[in-house]
Amino acid sequence: MHMTDIDRRPRVFIKAAEFGRLQPFAEMFATPGAALLKEELARARIIHAETRPGFAHLNSIVTYLDRNTGEIRTVELVLPDDHGGDDRISILSPLGAALIGLGEGAEFQWKSPAEESLNVKVFGVGRRDHSAPSGIRYYRQPPFYSNLQD
């Protein structure tokens, strides 16, 4: 028996309160990001936020490694109307759909519409906190990417 790509994907956790907000976007648009979001929502574990902190959700801050380029980026996951700039990524973009629901240490691989293999690894998930020195409060304390070769 062969595992499918979906079988190899890491667990995805979606807050119950956000599931209803995300699903219409996945259904409404015919884009690669919307299709990926629809797949991820279909396999997600729906949870109450207080039962599992530390996974990427709407308005969370995600630090990840792009395995294709070696670049480490920190972005905020937002609704389509709120995206803009390099640091605010829509959940309808392929990258946003790939990151939503992932926790620290999770790695996600998928194919672009051009059949390019894409791969990201999540190093940290947090929220904006202007009282923190970096402006971000991570759910787990750094260093969360001490070994980039994992």
N, C-alpha and C. Protein backbone atom coordinates (compact mmCIF):
# COMPACT_ATOMS: atom_id res chain seq x y z
N MET A 1 0.84 -1.19 0.00
CA MET A 1 0.00 0.00 0.00
C MET A 1 0.89 1.24 0.00
N HIS A 2 0.64 2.17 -0.89
CA HIS A 2 1.42 3.39 -0.98
C HIS A 2 0.68 4.54 -0.30
N MET A 3 1.45 5.34 0.40
CA MET A 3 0.87 6.51 1.03
C MET A 3 0.73 7.60 -0.04
N THR A 4 -0.35 8.33 0.02
CA THR A 4 -0.52 9.46 -0.89
C THR A 4 0.19 10.67 -0.28
N ASP A 5 0.32 11.73 -1.08
CA ASP A 5 0.92 12.96 -0.57
C ASP A 5 0.17 13.48 0.65
N ILE A 6 -1.16 13.38 0.60
CA ILE A 6 -1.96 13.87 1.74
C ILE A 6 -1.68 13.05 2.98
N ASP A 7 -1.45 11.74 2.84
CA ASP A 7 -1.15 10.90 4.00
C ASP A 7 0.16 11.31 4.67
N ARG A 8 1.08 11.88 3.92
CA ARG A 8 2.39 12.26 4.46
C ARG A 8 2.41 13.67 5.04
N ARG A 9 1.37 14.41 4.84
CA ARG A 9 1.33 15.78 5.34
C ARG A 9 1.21 15.78 6.86
N PRO A 10 1.79 16.81 7.49
CA PRO A 10 1.70 16.88 8.96
C PRO A 10 0.28 17.20 9.41
N ARG A 11 0.01 16.94 10.67
CA ARG A 11 -1.30 17.26 11.22
C ARG A 11 -1.57 18.76 11.12
N VAL A 12 -2.82 19.08 10.91
CA VAL A 12 -3.27 20.46 10.81
C VAL A 12 -4.35 20.67 11.86
N PHE A 13 -4.23 21.76 12.62
CA PHE A 13 -5.20 22.09 13.66
C PHE A 13 -5.83 23.43 13.32
N ILE A 14 -7.16 23.47 13.30
CA ILE A 14 -7.90 24.69 13.00
C ILE A 14 -8.83 24.98 14.17
N LYS A 15 -8.81 26.23 14.62
CA LYS A 15 -9.72 26.64 15.69
C LYS A 15 -11.16 26.52 15.20
N ALA A 16 -12.03 26.00 16.05
CA ALA A 16 -13.43 25.85 15.68
C ALA A 16 -14.02 27.18 15.24
N ALA A 17 -13.68 28.25 15.94
CA ALA A 17 -14.22 29.57 15.60
C ALA A 17 -13.73 30.07 14.24
N GLU A 18 -12.57 29.61 13.78
CA GLU A 18 -12.02 30.05 12.50
C GLU A 18 -12.45 29.18 11.33
N PHE A 19 -12.79 27.93 11.59
CA PHE A 19 -13.14 27.02 10.52
C PHE A 19 -14.26 27.61 9.65
N GLY A 20 -15.31 28.13 10.30
CA GLY A 20 -16.43 28.70 9.57
C GLY A 20 -16.08 29.95 8.79
N ARG A 21 -15.05 30.66 9.21
CA ARG A 21 -14.59 31.85 8.48
C ARG A 21 -13.74 31.46 7.28
N LEU A 22 -12.97 30.39 7.40
CA LEU A 22 -12.05 29.99 6.33
C LEU A 22 -12.73 29.21 5.21
N GLN A 23 -13.68 28.36 5.57
CA GLN A 23 -14.30 27.48 4.58
C GLN A 23 -14.94 28.22 3.40
N PRO A 24 -15.68 29.30 3.61
CA PRO A 24 -16.25 29.99 2.45
C PRO A 24 -15.20 30.51 1.46
N PHE A 25 -14.04 30.94 1.96
CA PHE A 25 -12.98 31.39 1.07
C PHE A 25 -12.48 30.24 0.19
N ALA A 26 -12.34 29.08 0.79
CA ALA A 26 -11.87 27.91 0.04
C ALA A 26 -12.88 27.49 -1.03
N GLU A 27 -14.15 27.67 -0.74
CA GLU A 27 -15.22 27.27 -1.68
C GLU A 27 -15.46 28.33 -2.76
N MET A 28 -15.23 29.58 -2.43
CA MET A 28 -15.62 30.71 -3.27
C MET A 28 -14.69 30.95 -4.45
N PHE A 29 -13.42 30.61 -4.31
CA PHE A 29 -12.43 30.96 -5.32
C PHE A 29 -11.88 29.72 -6.02
N ALA A 30 -11.53 29.87 -7.29
CA ALA A 30 -10.95 28.78 -8.08
C ALA A 30 -9.49 29.12 -8.35
N THR A 31 -8.70 29.10 -7.29
CA THR A 31 -7.27 29.39 -7.41
C THR A 31 -6.49 28.24 -6.79
N PRO A 32 -5.21 28.11 -7.11
CA PRO A 32 -4.41 27.05 -6.47
C PRO A 32 -4.39 27.16 -4.95
N GLY A 33 -4.31 28.38 -4.42
CA GLY A 33 -4.31 28.56 -2.97
C GLY A 33 -5.62 28.14 -2.34
N ALA A 34 -6.73 28.49 -2.98
CA ALA A 34 -8.05 28.10 -2.46
C ALA A 34 -8.22 26.58 -2.50
N ALA A 35 -7.73 25.95 -3.56
CA ALA A 35 -7.82 24.49 -3.66
C ALA A 35 -7.01 23.82 -2.55
N LEU A 36 -5.81 24.34 -2.29
CA LEU A 36 -4.98 23.78 -1.21
C LEU A 36 -5.64 24.04 0.14
N LEU A 37 -6.19 25.23 0.36
CA LEU A 37 -6.87 25.52 1.61
C LEU A 37 -8.04 24.56 1.81
N LYS A 38 -8.79 24.29 0.76
CA LYS A 38 -9.93 23.36 0.84
C LYS A 38 -9.45 21.97 1.26
N GLU A 39 -8.34 21.50 0.68
CA GLU A 39 -7.77 20.19 1.06
C GLU A 39 -7.36 20.18 2.53
N GLU A 40 -6.70 21.24 2.96
CA GLU A 40 -6.21 21.30 4.33
C GLU A 40 -7.36 21.38 5.34
N LEU A 41 -8.40 22.13 5.02
CA LEU A 41 -9.56 22.19 5.91
C LEU A 41 -10.27 20.84 6.00
N ALA A 42 -10.31 20.11 4.88
CA ALA A 42 -10.98 18.81 4.87
C ALA A 42 -10.27 17.80 5.77
N ARG A 43 -8.98 17.93 5.95
CA ARG A 43 -8.25 16.96 6.78
C ARG A 43 -7.88 17.51 8.16
N ALA A 44 -8.27 18.74 8.44
CA ALA A 44 -7.88 19.39 9.70
C ALA A 44 -8.62 18.79 10.90
N ARG A 45 -7.94 18.86 12.04
CA ARG A 45 -8.58 18.57 13.31
C ARG A 45 -9.14 19.89 13.83
N ILE A 46 -10.42 19.91 14.10
CA ILE A 46 -11.07 21.12 14.60
C ILE A 46 -10.96 21.10 16.12
N ILE A 47 -10.41 22.16 16.67
CA ILE A 47 -10.15 22.19 18.11
C ILE A 47 -10.55 23.53 18.71
N HIS A 48 -10.63 23.53 20.04
CA HIS A 48 -10.79 24.78 20.78
C HIS A 48 -9.40 25.32 21.02
N ALA A 49 -9.21 26.60 20.84
CA ALA A 49 -7.87 27.22 20.89
C ALA A 49 -7.13 26.88 22.16
N GLU A 50 -7.81 26.84 23.28
CA GLU A 50 -7.12 26.61 24.54
C GLU A 50 -6.61 25.17 24.70
N THR A 51 -7.08 24.25 23.86
CA THR A 51 -6.63 22.87 23.99
C THR A 51 -5.30 22.60 23.30
N ARG A 52 -4.92 23.44 22.34
CA ARG A 52 -3.66 23.22 21.63
C ARG A 52 -3.10 24.54 21.13
N PRO A 53 -2.40 25.27 21.97
CA PRO A 53 -1.78 26.51 21.49
C PRO A 53 -0.55 26.21 20.65
N GLY A 54 -0.12 27.19 19.88
CA GLY A 54 1.14 27.04 19.16
C GLY A 54 1.02 26.54 17.74
N PHE A 55 -0.15 26.66 17.13
CA PHE A 55 -0.28 26.30 15.72
C PHE A 55 -0.68 27.56 14.95
N ALA A 56 -0.35 27.59 13.68
CA ALA A 56 -0.61 28.77 12.85
C ALA A 56 -2.11 28.95 12.63
N HIS A 57 -2.60 30.16 12.88
CA HIS A 57 -4.01 30.48 12.70
C HIS A 57 -4.11 31.89 12.16
N LEU A 58 -5.31 32.35 11.91
CA LEU A 58 -5.49 33.71 11.40
C LEU A 58 -4.83 34.71 12.34
N ASN A 59 -4.10 35.64 11.74
CA ASN A 59 -3.40 36.72 12.45
C ASN A 59 -2.24 36.24 13.32
N SER A 60 -1.86 34.98 13.19
CA SER A 60 -0.66 34.54 13.91
C SER A 60 0.57 34.87 13.10
N ILE A 61 1.70 34.90 13.79
CA ILE A 61 3.00 35.17 13.19
C ILE A 61 3.70 33.82 13.04
N VAL A 62 4.20 33.54 11.84
CA VAL A 62 4.86 32.26 11.57
C VAL A 62 6.26 32.53 11.04
N THR A 63 7.25 31.92 11.69
CA THR A 63 8.62 31.95 11.18
C THR A 63 8.88 30.59 10.56
N TYR A 64 9.32 30.60 9.30
CA TYR A 64 9.51 29.34 8.59
C TYR A 64 10.75 29.40 7.70
N LEU A 65 11.21 28.23 7.34
CA LEU A 65 12.30 28.06 6.40
C LEU A 65 11.72 27.63 5.06
N ASP A 66 12.07 28.34 4.00
CA ASP A 66 11.75 27.92 2.65
C ASP A 66 12.89 27.00 2.23
N ARG A 67 12.63 25.71 2.19
CA ARG A 67 13.69 24.75 1.89
C ARG A 67 14.21 24.88 0.46
N ASN A 68 13.43 25.45 -0.44
CA ASN A 68 13.89 25.61 -1.82
C ASN A 68 14.95 26.69 -1.94
N THR A 69 14.79 27.77 -1.18
CA THR A 69 15.71 28.90 -1.29
C THR A 69 16.68 29.02 -0.12
N GLY A 70 16.36 28.35 0.99
CA GLY A 70 17.16 28.47 2.20
C GLY A 70 16.84 29.73 3.00
N GLU A 71 15.85 30.49 2.56
CA GLU A 71 15.47 31.74 3.22
C GLU A 71 14.58 31.49 4.43
N ILE A 72 14.86 32.20 5.53
CA ILE A 72 14.01 32.17 6.72
C ILE A 72 13.18 33.44 6.69
N ARG A 73 11.88 33.29 6.82
CA ARG A 73 10.96 34.43 6.78
C ARG A 73 10.01 34.39 7.96
N THR A 74 9.53 35.56 8.33
CA THR A 74 8.49 35.69 9.34
C THR A 74 7.33 36.43 8.70
N VAL A 75 6.14 35.82 8.74
CA VAL A 75 4.96 36.39 8.09
C VAL A 75 3.77 36.32 9.05
N GLU A 76 2.76 37.11 8.74
CA GLU A 76 1.49 37.06 9.46
C GLU A 76 0.44 36.49 8.52
N LEU A 77 -0.34 35.51 8.99
CA LEU A 77 -1.40 34.90 8.17
C LEU A 77 -2.67 35.72 8.32
N VAL A 78 -3.20 36.20 7.20
CA VAL A 78 -4.35 37.10 7.24
C VAL A 78 -5.40 36.70 6.21
N LEU A 79 -6.59 37.28 6.36
CA LEU A 79 -7.64 37.10 5.36
C LEU A 79 -7.25 37.83 4.08
N PRO A 80 -7.84 37.46 2.94
CA PRO A 80 -7.44 38.05 1.66
C PRO A 80 -7.47 39.58 1.62
N ASP A 81 -8.45 40.20 2.22
CA ASP A 81 -8.54 41.67 2.18
C ASP A 81 -7.47 42.35 3.01
N ASP A 82 -6.79 41.62 3.89
CA ASP A 82 -5.80 42.20 4.79
C ASP A 82 -4.36 41.98 4.36
N HIS A 83 -4.14 41.24 3.26
CA HIS A 83 -2.76 40.95 2.86
C HIS A 83 -2.11 42.18 2.26
N GLY A 84 -0.80 42.15 2.22
CA GLY A 84 -0.06 43.25 1.63
C GLY A 84 1.35 43.29 2.18
N GLY A 85 2.26 43.68 1.35
CA GLY A 85 3.66 43.69 1.76
C GLY A 85 4.20 42.27 1.83
N ASP A 86 5.46 42.17 2.18
CA ASP A 86 6.10 40.86 2.23
C ASP A 86 5.77 40.08 3.49
N ASP A 87 5.23 40.77 4.51
CA ASP A 87 5.07 40.09 5.79
C ASP A 87 3.62 39.74 6.13
N ARG A 88 2.67 40.04 5.27
CA ARG A 88 1.26 39.70 5.50
C ARG A 88 0.80 38.80 4.36
N ILE A 89 0.62 37.53 4.65
CA ILE A 89 0.32 36.52 3.64
C ILE A 89 -1.14 36.08 3.75
N SER A 90 -1.86 36.14 2.65
CA SER A 90 -3.25 35.72 2.61
C SER A 90 -3.36 34.20 2.76
N ILE A 91 -4.39 33.76 3.47
CA ILE A 91 -4.65 32.33 3.60
C ILE A 91 -5.09 31.73 2.27
N LEU A 92 -5.39 32.58 1.28
CA LEU A 92 -5.74 32.08 -0.05
C LEU A 92 -4.54 31.94 -0.97
N SER A 93 -3.37 32.39 -0.52
CA SER A 93 -2.16 32.15 -1.31
C SER A 93 -1.73 30.71 -1.05
N PRO A 94 -1.02 30.09 -1.99
CA PRO A 94 -0.54 28.73 -1.72
C PRO A 94 0.31 28.65 -0.45
N LEU A 95 1.16 29.64 -0.19
CA LEU A 95 1.97 29.62 1.02
C LEU A 95 1.10 29.75 2.26
N GLY A 96 0.14 30.67 2.26
CA GLY A 96 -0.75 30.83 3.41
C GLY A 96 -1.55 29.58 3.68
N ALA A 97 -2.07 28.95 2.62
CA ALA A 97 -2.84 27.72 2.78
C ALA A 97 -1.96 26.58 3.30
N ALA A 98 -0.70 26.58 2.90
CA ALA A 98 0.23 25.55 3.37
C ALA A 98 0.55 25.74 4.85
N LEU A 99 0.70 26.98 5.30
CA LEU A 99 1.11 27.25 6.68
C LEU A 99 -0.03 27.15 7.69
N ILE A 100 -1.26 27.45 7.28
CA ILE A 100 -2.36 27.49 8.24
C ILE A 100 -2.53 26.13 8.92
N GLY A 101 -2.59 26.18 10.24
CA GLY A 101 -2.82 24.95 11.01
C GLY A 101 -1.57 24.19 11.41
N LEU A 102 -0.40 24.58 10.89
CA LEU A 102 0.83 23.87 11.21
C LEU A 102 1.41 24.36 12.54
N GLY A 103 2.10 23.47 13.23
CA GLY A 103 2.78 23.81 14.47
C GLY A 103 4.28 23.83 14.28
N GLU A 104 4.97 24.27 15.31
CA GLU A 104 6.43 24.32 15.28
C GLU A 104 7.02 22.96 14.95
N GLY A 105 7.97 22.94 14.03
CA GLY A 105 8.64 21.70 13.63
C GLY A 105 7.98 21.01 12.45
N ALA A 106 6.76 21.39 12.11
CA ALA A 106 6.06 20.75 11.00
C ALA A 106 6.69 21.15 9.68
N GLU A 107 6.72 20.20 8.77
CA GLU A 107 7.24 20.44 7.43
C GLU A 107 6.16 20.10 6.43
N PHE A 108 5.99 20.95 5.43
CA PHE A 108 4.91 20.77 4.46
C PHE A 108 5.48 20.85 3.06
N GLN A 109 5.15 19.86 2.25
CA GLN A 109 5.60 19.81 0.85
C GLN A 109 4.37 19.77 -0.04
N TRP A 110 4.43 20.50 -1.15
CA TRP A 110 3.35 20.48 -2.11
C TRP A 110 3.89 20.88 -3.47
N LYS A 111 3.05 20.72 -4.48
CA LYS A 111 3.44 21.06 -5.85
C LYS A 111 2.70 22.32 -6.28
N SER A 112 3.42 23.21 -6.92
CA SER A 112 2.81 24.42 -7.47
C SER A 112 2.02 24.03 -8.72
N PRO A 113 1.19 24.95 -9.24
CA PRO A 113 0.49 24.64 -10.49
C PRO A 113 1.44 24.31 -11.64
N ALA A 114 2.68 24.82 -11.58
CA ALA A 114 3.67 24.53 -12.61
C ALA A 114 4.44 23.24 -12.30
N GLU A 115 3.94 22.47 -11.32
CA GLU A 115 4.55 21.19 -10.90
C GLU A 115 5.90 21.37 -10.22
N GLU A 116 6.18 22.55 -9.71
CA GLU A 116 7.40 22.79 -8.95
C GLU A 116 7.18 22.27 -7.52
N SER A 117 8.14 21.54 -7.00
CA SER A 117 8.04 21.03 -5.64
C SER A 117 8.41 22.14 -4.65
N LEU A 118 7.51 22.41 -3.72
CA LEU A 118 7.72 23.46 -2.72
C LEU A 118 7.77 22.82 -1.33
N ASN A 119 8.55 23.41 -0.43
CA ASN A 119 8.76 22.79 0.87
C ASN A 119 9.06 23.87 1.90
N VAL A 120 8.28 23.89 2.98
CA VAL A 120 8.52 24.82 4.08
C VAL A 120 8.59 24.05 5.39
N LYS A 121 9.37 24.58 6.32
CA LYS A 121 9.45 24.03 7.67
C LYS A 121 9.17 25.15 8.65
N VAL A 122 8.22 24.92 9.56
CA VAL A 122 7.83 25.93 10.54
C VAL A 122 8.79 25.89 11.71
N PHE A 123 9.36 27.05 12.03
CA PHE A 123 10.26 27.17 13.17
C PHE A 123 9.57 27.71 14.40
N GLY A 124 8.62 28.61 14.22
CA GLY A 124 7.95 29.20 15.37
C GLY A 124 6.62 29.80 14.98
N VAL A 125 5.69 29.78 15.95
CA VAL A 125 4.38 30.37 15.77
C VAL A 125 4.12 31.27 16.97
N GLY A 126 3.64 32.47 16.70
CA GLY A 126 3.38 33.40 17.79
C GLY A 126 2.30 34.39 17.43
N ARG A 127 2.29 35.48 18.17
CA ARG A 127 1.30 36.54 17.96
C ARG A 127 1.97 37.89 18.16
N ARG A 128 1.38 38.92 17.62
CA ARG A 128 1.91 40.27 17.82
C ARG A 128 1.78 40.63 19.28
N ASP A 129 2.84 41.19 19.85
CA ASP A 129 2.83 41.64 21.24
C ASP A 129 3.81 42.80 21.32
N HIS A 130 3.28 43.99 21.37
CA HIS A 130 4.13 45.17 21.33
C HIS A 130 4.95 45.35 22.60
N SER A 131 4.63 44.59 23.66
CA SER A 131 5.44 44.68 24.88
C SER A 131 6.68 43.78 24.80
N ALA A 132 6.71 42.85 23.85
CA ALA A 132 7.87 41.98 23.67
C ALA A 132 8.95 42.74 22.91
N PRO A 133 10.23 42.48 23.20
CA PRO A 133 11.31 43.21 22.53
C PRO A 133 11.25 43.15 21.00
N SER A 134 10.88 42.01 20.44
CA SER A 134 10.82 41.87 18.98
C SER A 134 9.45 42.26 18.41
N GLY A 135 8.48 42.52 19.30
CA GLY A 135 7.13 42.80 18.84
C GLY A 135 6.32 41.54 18.60
N ILE A 136 6.95 40.38 18.84
CA ILE A 136 6.30 39.08 18.64
C ILE A 136 6.48 38.26 19.91
N ARG A 137 5.42 37.62 20.34
CA ARG A 137 5.51 36.67 21.46
C ARG A 137 5.24 35.29 20.88
N TYR A 138 6.30 34.45 20.88
CA TYR A 138 6.16 33.08 20.37
C TYR A 138 5.57 32.19 21.45
N TYR A 139 4.81 31.18 21.02
CA TYR A 139 4.19 30.27 21.97
C TYR A 139 5.23 29.43 22.70
N ARG A 140 6.31 29.13 22.02
CA ARG A 140 7.47 28.45 22.63
C ARG A 140 8.64 29.40 22.51
N GLN A 141 9.53 29.34 23.43
CA GLN A 141 10.65 30.29 23.43
C GLN A 141 11.72 29.87 22.43
N PRO A 142 12.31 30.84 21.71
CA PRO A 142 13.46 30.56 20.85
C PRO A 142 14.61 30.05 21.70
N PRO A 143 15.63 29.39 21.18
CA PRO A 143 15.86 29.26 19.75
C PRO A 143 15.09 28.08 19.18
N PHE A 144 14.21 28.34 18.22
CA PHE A 144 13.43 27.27 17.61
C PHE A 144 14.02 26.85 16.29
N TYR A 145 15.06 27.50 15.82
CA TYR A 145 15.68 27.03 14.58
C TYR A 145 17.19 26.97 14.74
N SER A 146 17.63 26.33 15.81
CA SER A 146 19.06 26.24 16.07
C SER A 146 19.76 25.30 15.09
N ASN A 147 19.04 24.33 14.57
CA ASN A 147 19.65 23.40 13.61
C ASN A 147 18.84 23.42 12.32
N LEU A 148 19.32 24.14 11.33
CA LEU A 148 18.59 24.30 10.09
C LEU A 148 18.59 23.05 9.22
N GLN A 149 19.37 22.07 9.56
CA GLN A 149 19.46 20.87 8.73
C GLN A 149 18.48 19.79 9.13
N ASP A 150 17.65 20.02 10.15
CA ASP A 150 16.66 18.99 10.57
C ASP A 150 15.76 18.61 9.43
